[in-house]
């Protein structure tokens, strides 16, 4: 079942087109990673999927319905978007996670017993219950990322959109966040679409990879289909070898140098 798709989608900033005539679909319950060099349109596409950027042409469909036909609250009940960087705010972890219930509350922002129950569940699912009374800025980078993901979970979305969720984290916290995302996908059958810079992380933690360059799709499919030396050369301008991890049965890429022009 298709959860999210684009039809003849074109996106631009100011007067410059970043993506033109893109048609692609994301199936329910799978994890997708979007990869590509800086400036290729990865984050721009994610913003359009999250209804953070209005298309210059074409449309984004959620369960076959144009996003433009849905109001903001309807979209927020079904999709949650976590931007690349978050503004520092002095609130407790539990308060932050509770904000995820806003799309489900009436206009007078009444907090129901169900809201409190789901907030507690999101904290537990992300292993943050012991930190619920801590101020957000006192947490480590990985813990803060988990707190923002917990807020997204409290929305109970069918689609989770993450823009570079491992940025600025050390390797242990990167893996912690990605393991959490994969676990939530498997437990909740949640569609996850994320922008990642690390090619091997994209391979290991994704069902499908979308590789982009200059606003175009250069490859889309299983990691084993997309991550080839030829594609890595075309997209990133690097020489690479690709081997299969015998434990995970996923391709692992080793960059050996730049392609000489």
C-alpha atoms as a PDB file:
ATOM      1  CA  UNK A   1       0.000   0.000   0.000  1.00  0.00           C
ATOM      2  CA  UNK A   2       1.404   3.398  -1.000  1.00  0.00           C
ATOM      3  CA  UNK A   3       1.542   5.772   1.972  1.00  0.00           C
ATOM      4  CA  UNK A   4       3.204   8.816   0.454  1.00  0.00           C
ATOM      5  CA  UNK A   5       3.976   9.725  -3.155  1.00  0.00           C
ATOM      6  CA  UNK A   6       4.830  12.620  -5.418  1.00  0.00           C
ATOM      7  CA  UNK A   7       3.271  13.350  -8.791  1.00  0.00           C
ATOM      8  CA  UNK A   8       5.170  15.532 -11.288  1.00  0.00           C
ATOM      9  CA  UNK A   9       6.620  17.400  -8.305  1.00  0.00           C
ATOM     10  CA  UNK A  10       8.694  20.539  -8.892  1.00  0.00           C
ATOM     11  CA  UNK A  11      10.282  22.547  -6.079  1.00  0.00           C
ATOM     12  CA  UNK A  12      12.205  25.794  -6.066  1.00  0.00           C
ATOM     13  CA  UNK A  13      13.770  28.370  -3.780  1.00  0.00           C
ATOM     14  CA  UNK A  14      13.230  31.949  -4.898  1.00  0.00           C
ATOM     15  CA  UNK A  15      13.403  31.651  -8.711  1.00  0.00           C
ATOM     16  CA  UNK A  16      15.674  28.602  -8.926  1.00  0.00           C
ATOM     17  CA  UNK A  17      14.268  25.123  -9.459  1.00  0.00           C
ATOM     18  CA  UNK A  18      15.838  22.524  -7.178  1.00  0.00           C
ATOM     19  CA  UNK A  19      13.707  19.546  -8.252  1.00  0.00           C
ATOM     20  CA  UNK A  20      11.611  19.179 -11.389  1.00  0.00           C
ATOM     21  CA  UNK A  21       8.920  16.670 -12.402  1.00  0.00           C
ATOM     22  CA  UNK A  22       9.664  14.113  -9.689  1.00  0.00           C
ATOM     23  CA  UNK A  23       7.418  11.087  -9.376  1.00  0.00           C
ATOM     24  CA  UNK A  24       8.189   8.624  -6.601  1.00  0.00           C
ATOM     25  CA  UNK A  25       6.312   6.553  -4.029  1.00  0.00           C
ATOM     26  CA  UNK A  26       6.991   5.377  -0.490  1.00  0.00           C
ATOM     27  CA  UNK A  27       5.229   2.234   0.701  1.00  0.00           C
ATOM     28  CA  UNK A  28       3.674   1.816   4.108  1.00  0.00           C
ATOM     29  CA  UNK A  29       5.814   0.291   6.838  1.00  0.00           C
ATOM     30  CA  UNK A  30       9.230   0.596   5.168  1.00  0.00           C
ATOM     31  CA  UNK A  31      12.349   2.613   6.004  1.00  0.00           C
ATOM     32  CA  UNK A  32      13.766   4.867   3.284  1.00  0.00           C
ATOM     33  CA  UNK A  33      17.018   6.805   3.274  1.00  0.00           C
ATOM     34  CA  UNK A  34      17.674   9.697   0.900  1.00  0.00           C
ATOM     35  CA  UNK A  35      21.366  10.131   0.078  1.00  0.00           C
ATOM     36  CA  UNK A  36      23.359  12.428  -2.166  1.00  0.00           C
ATOM     37  CA  UNK A  37      25.888  15.273  -2.134  1.00  0.00           C
ATOM     38  CA  UNK A  38      25.219  18.595  -0.451  1.00  0.00           C
ATOM     39  CA  UNK A  39      22.800  20.770  -2.381  1.00  0.00           C
ATOM     40  CA  UNK A  40      21.278  17.919  -4.389  1.00  0.00           C
ATOM     41  CA  UNK A  41      17.736  18.482  -3.055  1.00  0.00           C
ATOM     42  CA  UNK A  42      17.495  15.896  -0.264  1.00  0.00           C
ATOM     43  CA  UNK A  43      16.256  18.196   2.490  1.00  0.00           C
ATOM     44  CA  UNK A  44      14.165  20.178   0.006  1.00  0.00           C
ATOM     45  CA  UNK A  45      12.309  17.022  -0.971  1.00  0.00           C
ATOM     46  CA  UNK A  46      11.792  16.046   2.671  1.00  0.00           C
ATOM     47  CA  UNK A  47      10.345  19.476   3.460  1.00  0.00           C
ATOM     48  CA  UNK A  48       7.870  19.133   0.585  1.00  0.00           C
ATOM     49  CA  UNK A  49       6.862  15.662   1.795  1.00  0.00           C
ATOM     50  CA  UNK A  50       6.292  17.170   5.252  1.00  0.00           C
ATOM     51  CA  UNK A  51       4.256  20.065   3.826  1.00  0.00           C
ATOM     52  CA  UNK A  52       6.907  22.514   4.984  1.00  0.00           C
ATOM     53  CA  UNK A  53       7.526  23.706   1.415  1.00  0.00           C
ATOM     54  CA  UNK A  54       4.841  24.495  -1.143  1.00  0.00           C
ATOM     55  CA  UNK A  55       5.390  22.833  -4.536  1.00  0.00           C
ATOM     56  CA  UNK A  56       6.093  25.013  -7.556  1.00  0.00           C
ATOM     57  CA  UNK A  57       4.322  22.349  -9.597  1.00  0.00           C
ATOM     58  CA  UNK A  58       2.763  18.919  -9.175  1.00  0.00           C
ATOM     59  CA  UNK A  59       1.751  17.598  -5.781  1.00  0.00           C
ATOM     60  CA  UNK A  60       2.432  15.327  -2.836  1.00  0.00           C
ATOM     61  CA  UNK A  61      -0.174  12.674  -2.027  1.00  0.00           C
ATOM     62  CA  UNK A  62      -0.801  11.112   1.372  1.00  0.00           C
ATOM     63  CA  UNK A  63      -2.884   7.951   1.113  1.00  0.00           C
ATOM     64  CA  UNK A  64      -3.915   9.111  -2.385  1.00  0.00           C
ATOM     65  CA  UNK A  65      -5.118  12.506  -1.098  1.00  0.00           C
ATOM     66  CA  UNK A  66      -3.281  15.722  -2.075  1.00  0.00           C
ATOM     67  CA  UNK A  67      -1.558  17.309   0.920  1.00  0.00           C
ATOM     68  CA  UNK A  68      -2.826  20.654  -0.307  1.00  0.00           C
ATOM     69  CA  UNK A  69      -6.406  19.480   0.341  1.00  0.00           C
ATOM     70  CA  UNK A  70      -5.688  18.668   4.002  1.00  0.00           C
ATOM     71  CA  UNK A  71      -5.492  21.175   6.821  1.00  0.00           C
ATOM     72  CA  UNK A  72      -2.397  21.424   8.973  1.00  0.00           C
ATOM     73  CA  UNK A  73      -3.875  19.544  11.907  1.00  0.00           C
ATOM     74  CA  UNK A  74      -4.977  16.637   9.711  1.00  0.00           C
ATOM     75  CA  UNK A  75      -1.452  16.347   8.315  1.00  0.00           C
ATOM     76  CA  UNK A  76       0.122  16.564  11.779  1.00  0.00           C
ATOM     77  CA  UNK A  77      -2.047  13.676  12.983  1.00  0.00           C
ATOM     78  CA  UNK A  78      -0.634  11.469  10.234  1.00  0.00           C
ATOM     79  CA  UNK A  79       2.926  12.704   9.700  1.00  0.00           C
ATOM     80  CA  UNK A  80       5.670  13.981  11.959  1.00  0.00           C
ATOM     81  CA  UNK A  81       8.704  15.934  10.745  1.00  0.00           C
ATOM     82  CA  UNK A  82      11.956  16.431  12.637  1.00  0.00           C
ATOM     83  CA  UNK A  83      14.153  19.155  11.154  1.00  0.00           C
ATOM     84  CA  UNK A  84      17.925  18.983  10.917  1.00  0.00           C
ATOM     85  CA  UNK A  85      18.477  21.351  13.833  1.00  0.00           C
ATOM     86  CA  UNK A  86      16.234  22.277  16.737  1.00  0.00           C
ATOM     87  CA  UNK A  87      15.979  25.549  18.627  1.00  0.00           C
ATOM     88  CA  UNK A  88      17.229  25.244  22.224  1.00  0.00           C
ATOM     89  CA  UNK A  89      14.330  25.627  24.640  1.00  0.00           C
ATOM     90  CA  UNK A  90      14.306  25.467  28.426  1.00  0.00           C
ATOM     91  CA  UNK A  91      11.580  22.949  29.157  1.00  0.00           C
ATOM     92  CA  UNK A  92      11.554  19.488  30.654  1.00  0.00           C
ATOM     93  CA  UNK A  93      11.706  16.390  28.518  1.00  0.00           C
ATOM     94  CA  UNK A  94       8.161  15.430  29.465  1.00  0.00           C
ATOM     95  CA  UNK A  95       6.846  18.877  28.521  1.00  0.00           C
ATOM     96  CA  UNK A  96       8.528  18.620  25.121  1.00  0.00           C
ATOM     97  CA  UNK A  97       7.108  15.168  24.454  1.00  0.00           C
ATOM     98  CA  UNK A  98       3.666  16.357  25.544  1.00  0.00           C
ATOM     99  CA  UNK A  99       3.696  18.955  22.755  1.00  0.00           C
ATOM    100  CA  UNK A 100       3.411  16.034  20.343  1.00  0.00           C
ATOM    101  CA  UNK A 101      -0.190  15.600  21.452  1.00  0.00           C
ATOM    102  CA  UNK A 102      -1.195  19.095  20.244  1.00  0.00           C
ATOM    103  CA  UNK A 103      -2.637  17.950  16.865  1.00  0.00           C
ATOM    104  CA  UNK A 104      -4.991  15.597  18.712  1.00  0.00           C
ATOM    105  CA  UNK A 105      -6.252  18.170  21.222  1.00  0.00           C
ATOM    106  CA  UNK A 106      -9.223  20.539  20.857  1.00  0.00           C
ATOM    107  CA  UNK A 107      -8.581  24.206  20.224  1.00  0.00           C
ATOM    108  CA  UNK A 108      -8.590  25.001  23.959  1.00  0.00           C
ATOM    109  CA  UNK A 109      -5.617  22.625  24.392  1.00  0.00           C
ATOM    110  CA  UNK A 110      -7.249  20.376  26.951  1.00  0.00           C
ATOM    111  CA  UNK A 111      -4.830  17.626  28.061  1.00  0.00           C
ATOM    112  CA  UNK A 112      -6.772  14.398  28.437  1.00  0.00           C
ATOM    113  CA  UNK A 113      -5.944  11.201  30.278  1.00  0.00           C
ATOM    114  CA  UNK A 114      -5.228   9.628  26.890  1.00  0.00           C
ATOM    115  CA  UNK A 115      -2.739  12.412  26.082  1.00  0.00           C
ATOM    116  CA  UNK A 116      -0.901  11.744  29.342  1.00  0.00           C
ATOM    117  CA  UNK A 117      -0.945   7.996  28.692  1.00  0.00           C
ATOM    118  CA  UNK A 118       0.527   8.385  25.197  1.00  0.00           C
ATOM    119  CA  UNK A 119       3.150  10.860  26.429  1.00  0.00           C
ATOM    120  CA  UNK A 120       4.250   8.327  29.038  1.00  0.00           C
ATOM    121  CA  UNK A 121       4.306   5.608  26.373  1.00  0.00           C
ATOM    122  CA  UNK A 122       6.503   7.724  24.061  1.00  0.00           C
ATOM    123  CA  UNK A 123       8.928   8.389  26.915  1.00  0.00           C
ATOM    124  CA  UNK A 124       9.109   4.690  27.716  1.00  0.00           C
ATOM    125  CA  UNK A 125       9.503   3.695  24.049  1.00  0.00           C
ATOM    126  CA  UNK A 126      12.539   5.949  23.737  1.00  0.00           C
ATOM    127  CA  UNK A 127      13.987   4.963  27.146  1.00  0.00           C
ATOM    128  CA  UNK A 128      13.551   8.515  28.454  1.00  0.00           C
ATOM    129  CA  UNK A 129      11.277   7.924  31.442  1.00  0.00           C
ATOM    130  CA  UNK A 130      14.180   8.376  33.912  1.00  0.00           C
ATOM    131  CA  UNK A 131      14.921  11.756  32.261  1.00  0.00           C
ATOM    132  CA  UNK A 132      11.360  13.093  32.045  1.00  0.00           C
ATOM    133  CA  UNK A 133      11.914  15.835  34.628  1.00  0.00           C
ATOM    134  CA  UNK A 134      15.314  16.886  33.283  1.00  0.00           C
ATOM    135  CA  UNK A 135      15.628  20.134  31.350  1.00  0.00           C
ATOM    136  CA  UNK A 136      16.185  19.417  27.682  1.00  0.00           C
ATOM    137  CA  UNK A 137      19.417  21.398  27.407  1.00  0.00           C
ATOM    138  CA  UNK A 138      21.053  19.322  30.189  1.00  0.00           C
ATOM    139  CA  UNK A 139      20.873  16.111  28.133  1.00  0.00           C
ATOM    140  CA  UNK A 140      23.586  14.688  25.887  1.00  0.00           C
ATOM    141  CA  UNK A 141      23.243  15.077  22.132  1.00  0.00           C
ATOM    142  CA  UNK A 142      21.912  11.552  21.672  1.00  0.00           C
ATOM    143  CA  UNK A 143      19.438  11.947  24.520  1.00  0.00           C
ATOM    144  CA  UNK A 144      18.154  15.216  23.049  1.00  0.00           C
ATOM    145  CA  UNK A 145      17.624  13.563  19.669  1.00  0.00           C
ATOM    146  CA  UNK A 146      15.693  10.787  21.379  1.00  0.00           C
ATOM    147  CA  UNK A 147      13.567  13.418  23.131  1.00  0.00           C
ATOM    148  CA  UNK A 148      12.624  15.064  19.826  1.00  0.00           C
ATOM    149  CA  UNK A 149      11.851  11.629  18.367  1.00  0.00           C
ATOM    150  CA  UNK A 150       9.694  10.906  21.429  1.00  0.00           C
ATOM    151  CA  UNK A 151       7.755  14.107  20.755  1.00  0.00           C
ATOM    152  CA  UNK A 152       7.255  12.966  17.158  1.00  0.00           C
ATOM    153  CA  UNK A 153       6.062   9.575  18.423  1.00  0.00           C
ATOM    154  CA  UNK A 154       3.534  11.222  20.734  1.00  0.00           C
ATOM    155  CA  UNK A 155       1.827  12.489  17.583  1.00  0.00           C
ATOM    156  CA  UNK A 156       1.248   8.803  16.728  1.00  0.00           C
ATOM    157  CA  UNK A 157       2.079   9.399  13.064  1.00  0.00           C
ATOM    158  CA  UNK A 158       1.923   6.830  10.308  1.00  0.00           C
ATOM    159  CA  UNK A 159       4.885   8.550   8.619  1.00  0.00           C
ATOM    160  CA  UNK A 160       8.025   9.795  10.379  1.00  0.00           C
ATOM    161  CA  UNK A 161      10.250  12.223   8.431  1.00  0.00           C
ATOM    162  CA  UNK A 162      13.771  12.825   9.761  1.00  0.00           C
ATOM    163  CA  UNK A 163      16.255  15.302   8.300  1.00  0.00           C
ATOM    164  CA  UNK A 164      19.776  14.125   9.171  1.00  0.00           C
ATOM    165  CA  UNK A 165      18.862  12.806  12.643  1.00  0.00           C
ATOM    166  CA  UNK A 166      22.484  11.846  13.389  1.00  0.00           C
ATOM    167  CA  UNK A 167      24.064  15.238  12.617  1.00  0.00           C
ATOM    168  CA  UNK A 168      26.551  16.450  15.276  1.00  0.00           C
ATOM    169  CA  UNK A 169      26.388  13.141  17.165  1.00  0.00           C
ATOM    170  CA  UNK A 170      29.353  10.907  17.928  1.00  0.00           C
ATOM    171  CA  UNK A 171      29.332   7.415  16.422  1.00  0.00           C
ATOM    172  CA  UNK A 172      27.825   5.696  19.488  1.00  0.00           C
ATOM    173  CA  UNK A 173      24.927   8.152  19.645  1.00  0.00           C
ATOM    174  CA  UNK A 174      24.435   7.951  15.873  1.00  0.00           C
ATOM    175  CA  UNK A 175      23.951   4.201  16.142  1.00  0.00           C
ATOM    176  CA  UNK A 176      21.723   4.628  19.206  1.00  0.00           C
ATOM    177  CA  UNK A 177      19.360   6.912  17.282  1.00  0.00           C
ATOM    178  CA  UNK A 178      19.305   4.733  14.167  1.00  0.00           C
ATOM    179  CA  UNK A 179      18.692   1.558  16.196  1.00  0.00           C
ATOM    180  CA  UNK A 180      15.784   3.323  17.891  1.00  0.00           C
ATOM    181  CA  UNK A 181      14.295   4.444  14.564  1.00  0.00           C
ATOM    182  CA  UNK A 182      14.541   0.920  13.142  1.00  0.00           C
ATOM    183  CA  UNK A 183      13.023  -0.606  16.273  1.00  0.00           C
ATOM    184  CA  UNK A 184      10.080   1.811  16.182  1.00  0.00           C
ATOM    185  CA  UNK A 185       9.516   1.082  12.513  1.00  0.00           C
ATOM    186  CA  UNK A 186       9.349  -2.645  13.173  1.00  0.00           C
ATOM    187  CA  UNK A 187       7.169  -2.402  16.281  1.00  0.00           C
ATOM    188  CA  UNK A 188       4.685   0.163  14.952  1.00  0.00           C
ATOM    189  CA  UNK A 189       4.779  -0.546  11.195  1.00  0.00           C
ATOM    190  CA  UNK A 190       5.646   3.126  10.779  1.00  0.00           C
ATOM    191  CA  UNK A 191       6.881   4.465   7.451  1.00  0.00           C
ATOM    192  CA  UNK A 192      10.207   6.242   7.978  1.00  0.00           C
ATOM    193  CA  UNK A 193      11.834   8.564   5.444  1.00  0.00           C
ATOM    194  CA  UNK A 194      15.143  10.089   6.492  1.00  0.00           C
ATOM    195  CA  UNK A 195      17.993  12.057   4.990  1.00  0.00           C
ATOM    196  CA  UNK A 196      21.384  10.557   5.869  1.00  0.00           C
ATOM    197  CA  UNK A 197      24.945  11.499   4.981  1.00  0.00           C
ATOM    198  CA  UNK A 198      26.580   8.211   5.955  1.00  0.00           C
ATOM    199  CA  UNK A 199      26.142   5.782   3.055  1.00  0.00           C
ATOM    200  CA  UNK A 200      26.775   2.671   5.144  1.00  0.00           C
ATOM    201  CA  UNK A 201      24.289   3.753   7.795  1.00  0.00           C
ATOM    202  CA  UNK A 202      21.738   4.225   5.015  1.00  0.00           C
ATOM    203  CA  UNK A 203      22.491   0.734   3.753  1.00  0.00           C
ATOM    204  CA  UNK A 204      22.285  -1.001   7.124  1.00  0.00           C
ATOM    205  CA  UNK A 205      19.204   0.727   8.524  1.00  0.00           C
ATOM    206  CA  UNK A 206      17.034   1.109   5.418  1.00  0.00           C
ATOM    207  CA  UNK A 207      14.808  -1.105   3.338  1.00  0.00           C
ATOM    208  CA  UNK A 208      15.180   1.198   0.333  1.00  0.00           C
ATOM    209  CA  UNK A 209      17.560   3.951  -0.740  1.00  0.00           C
ATOM    210  CA  UNK A 210      16.864   6.994  -2.884  1.00  0.00           C
ATOM    211  CA  UNK A 211      20.069   8.449  -4.358  1.00  0.00           C
ATOM    212  CA  UNK A 212      19.891  11.987  -5.706  1.00  0.00           C
ATOM    213  CA  UNK A 213      22.142  14.359  -7.629  1.00  0.00           C
ATOM    214  CA  UNK A 214      21.284  17.884  -8.783  1.00  0.00           C
ATOM    215  CA  UNK A 215      17.599  17.368  -8.044  1.00  0.00           C
ATOM    216  CA  UNK A 216      17.369  14.148 -10.061  1.00  0.00           C
ATOM    217  CA  UNK A 217      16.886  10.550  -8.950  1.00  0.00           C
ATOM    218  CA  UNK A 218      20.008   8.583  -9.855  1.00  0.00           C
ATOM    219  CA  UNK A 219      18.977   5.368  -8.125  1.00  0.00           C
ATOM    220  CA  UNK A 220      16.020   4.021  -6.182  1.00  0.00           C
ATOM    221  CA  UNK A 221      15.575   0.541  -4.779  1.00  0.00           C
ATOM    222  CA  UNK A 222      17.084  -1.984  -2.410  1.00  0.00           C
ATOM    223  CA  UNK A 223      20.494  -1.039  -0.979  1.00  0.00           C
ATOM    224  CA  UNK A 224      22.055  -3.891  -2.968  1.00  0.00           C
ATOM    225  CA  UNK A 225      20.565  -2.454  -6.170  1.00  0.00           C
ATOM    226  CA  UNK A 226      21.484   1.181  -5.561  1.00  0.00           C
ATOM    227  CA  UNK A 227      24.873   1.069  -3.854  1.00  0.00           C
ATOM    228  CA  UNK A 228      27.180   0.113  -6.688  1.00  0.00           C
ATOM    229  CA  UNK A 229      30.629   1.491  -7.568  1.00  0.00           C
ATOM    230  CA  UNK A 230      29.129   2.996 -10.726  1.00  0.00           C
ATOM    231  CA  UNK A 231      26.394   4.903  -8.870  1.00  0.00           C
ATOM    232  CA  UNK A 232      28.750   6.105  -6.135  1.00  0.00           C
ATOM    233  CA  UNK A 233      31.018   7.432  -8.860  1.00  0.00           C
ATOM    234  CA  UNK A 234      28.216   9.224 -10.695  1.00  0.00           C
ATOM    235  CA  UNK A 235      26.573  10.685  -7.598  1.00  0.00           C
ATOM    236  CA  UNK A 236      29.508  11.464  -5.310  1.00  0.00           C
ATOM    237  CA  UNK A 237      32.458  11.561  -7.727  1.00  0.00           C
ATOM    238  CA  UNK A 238      34.375   8.925  -5.777  1.00  0.00           C
ATOM    239  CA  UNK A 239      36.005   5.599  -6.487  1.00  0.00           C
ATOM    240  CA  UNK A 240      34.592   2.902  -4.230  1.00  0.00           C
ATOM    241  CA  UNK A 241      34.444  -0.810  -3.648  1.00  0.00           C
ATOM    242  CA  UNK A 242      31.300  -2.521  -2.371  1.00  0.00           C
ATOM    243  CA  UNK A 243      31.197  -5.700  -0.312  1.00  0.00           C
ATOM    244  CA  UNK A 244      28.356  -7.564   1.391  1.00  0.00           C
ATOM    245  CA  UNK A 245      28.249  -7.652   5.174  1.00  0.00           C
ATOM    246  CA  UNK A 246      27.830 -11.389   5.942  1.00  0.00           C
ATOM    247  CA  UNK A 247      25.944 -10.682   9.190  1.00  0.00           C
ATOM    248  CA  UNK A 248      23.376  -8.159   7.940  1.00  0.00           C
ATOM    249  CA  UNK A 249      23.472  -9.159   4.258  1.00  0.00           C
ATOM    250  CA  UNK A 250      23.707  -5.492   3.302  1.00  0.00           C
ATOM    251  CA  UNK A 251      26.256  -3.761   1.048  1.00  0.00           C
ATOM    252  CA  UNK A 252      29.117  -1.958   2.755  1.00  0.00           C
ATOM    253  CA  UNK A 253      30.901   0.744   0.780  1.00  0.00           C
ATOM    254  CA  UNK A 254      34.571   1.614   1.062  1.00  0.00           C
ATOM    255  CA  UNK A 255      35.661   4.884  -0.518  1.00  0.00           C
ATOM    256  CA  UNK A 256      39.110   4.550  -2.066  1.00  0.00           C
ATOM    257  CA  UNK A 257      39.611   7.970  -3.635  1.00  0.00           C
ATOM    258  CA  UNK A 258      38.291  10.740  -5.855  1.00  0.00           C
ATOM    259  CA  UNK A 259      37.551  10.159  -9.510  1.00  0.00           C
ATOM    260  CA  UNK A 260      40.177  12.063 -11.438  1.00  0.00           C
ATOM    261  CA  UNK A 261      38.785  14.473 -13.989  1.00  0.00           C
END
